[in-house]
């Protein structure tokens, strides 16, 4: 699974509606409304690199009110939740 973190600039008067439209896409797992330079951050998970082109410029960027995106592709994923689950394997409760 390939994970991309997409930083999104939007029309500020439509942030909730744009966030809901992005979150409705099947390959988007979360959308965060944030402070700072960008208005939203979306977590996109796809099975092939080519799928990123279909999702980010092909779908997210075409949502009315999206003004620009900046995409970062993850090399590895580190999660405290995943580490706790791995160490708990085989332990009896």
Protein backbone atom coordinates (compact mmCIF):
# COMPACT_ATOMS: atom_id res chain seq x y z
CA UNK A 1 0.00 0.00 0.00
CA UNK A 2 1.31 3.45 -0.96
CA UNK A 3 0.49 6.36 1.33
CA UNK A 4 0.51 9.97 0.19
CA UNK A 5 0.05 12.98 2.43
CA UNK A 6 -1.67 15.69 0.41
CA UNK A 7 -1.50 19.29 1.64
CA UNK A 8 -4.43 21.22 0.16
CA UNK A 9 -5.15 24.94 -0.26
CA UNK A 10 -8.85 25.73 -0.64
CA UNK A 11 -11.35 28.54 -0.80
CA UNK A 12 -11.56 29.36 2.91
CA UNK A 13 -15.30 29.96 2.82
CA UNK A 14 -15.92 26.34 1.68
CA UNK A 15 -13.47 24.31 3.78
CA UNK A 16 -16.09 21.99 5.39
CA UNK A 17 -17.80 21.19 2.08
CA UNK A 18 -14.50 20.60 0.29
CA UNK A 19 -13.24 18.40 3.13
CA UNK A 20 -16.41 16.29 2.95
CA UNK A 21 -16.06 15.90 -0.82
CA UNK A 22 -12.45 14.78 -0.49
CA UNK A 23 -13.25 12.42 2.40
CA UNK A 24 -15.94 10.78 0.25
CA UNK A 25 -13.32 9.54 -2.24
CA UNK A 26 -12.73 5.80 -1.80
CA UNK A 27 -8.92 6.03 -1.53
CA UNK A 28 -8.91 8.84 1.04
CA UNK A 29 -8.72 7.52 4.59
CA UNK A 30 -8.74 10.82 6.53
CA UNK A 31 -9.04 14.53 5.93
CA UNK A 32 -7.85 17.02 8.55
CA UNK A 33 -8.76 20.70 8.74
CA UNK A 34 -5.58 22.43 9.92
CA UNK A 35 -4.03 25.81 10.68
CA UNK A 36 -1.09 27.22 8.79
CA UNK A 37 -0.21 27.55 5.13
CA UNK A 38 -2.61 24.81 4.04
CA UNK A 39 -6.29 24.40 4.86
CA UNK A 40 -6.64 20.61 4.65
CA UNK A 41 -4.45 17.54 4.84
CA UNK A 42 -5.66 14.32 3.20
CA UNK A 43 -4.24 10.84 3.68
CA UNK A 44 -4.45 8.95 0.38
CA UNK A 45 -3.80 5.21 0.23
CA UNK A 46 -3.50 3.40 -3.11
CA UNK A 47 -2.04 0.11 -4.31
CA UNK A 48 0.00 1.49 -7.25
CA UNK A 49 1.95 4.70 -7.85
CA UNK A 50 0.00 5.27 -11.06
CA UNK A 51 -3.18 5.47 -8.98
CA UNK A 52 -1.88 8.63 -7.30
CA UNK A 53 -2.20 10.47 -10.62
CA UNK A 54 -5.81 9.35 -10.91
CA UNK A 55 -6.65 10.45 -7.38
CA UNK A 56 -4.72 13.66 -6.69
CA UNK A 57 -4.67 15.67 -9.93
CA UNK A 58 -7.48 13.61 -11.45
CA UNK A 59 -10.03 13.85 -8.63
CA UNK A 60 -8.96 15.92 -5.61
CA UNK A 61 -7.68 18.88 -7.65
CA UNK A 62 -10.88 18.95 -9.70
CA UNK A 63 -13.16 19.42 -6.67
CA UNK A 64 -14.59 22.95 -6.85
CA UNK A 65 -12.79 25.17 -4.36
CA UNK A 66 -9.48 23.27 -4.33
CA UNK A 67 -6.87 25.85 -5.26
CA UNK A 68 -3.69 23.76 -5.06
CA UNK A 69 -2.05 20.65 -3.66
CA UNK A 70 1.39 19.64 -2.42
CA UNK A 71 1.91 15.86 -2.26
CA UNK A 72 4.37 13.90 -0.13
CA UNK A 73 4.73 10.14 -0.68
CA UNK A 74 5.67 8.10 2.38
CA UNK A 75 8.66 5.74 2.22
CA UNK A 76 7.74 3.91 5.44
CA UNK A 77 4.99 4.13 8.02
CA UNK A 78 5.72 4.19 11.74
CA UNK A 79 2.84 4.02 14.17
CA UNK A 80 2.71 3.60 17.94
CA UNK A 81 -0.55 1.71 17.49
CA UNK A 82 1.09 -0.77 15.10
CA UNK A 83 4.07 -1.27 17.43
CA UNK A 84 1.82 -1.98 20.42
CA UNK A 85 -0.17 -4.54 18.41
CA UNK A 86 3.00 -6.27 17.21
CA UNK A 87 4.39 -6.62 20.73
CA UNK A 88 1.05 -7.95 21.99
CA UNK A 89 1.03 -10.91 19.59
CA UNK A 90 1.01 -14.14 21.55
CA UNK A 91 0.32 -12.52 24.91
CA UNK A 92 -2.62 -13.82 26.90
CA UNK A 93 -4.93 -11.21 28.36
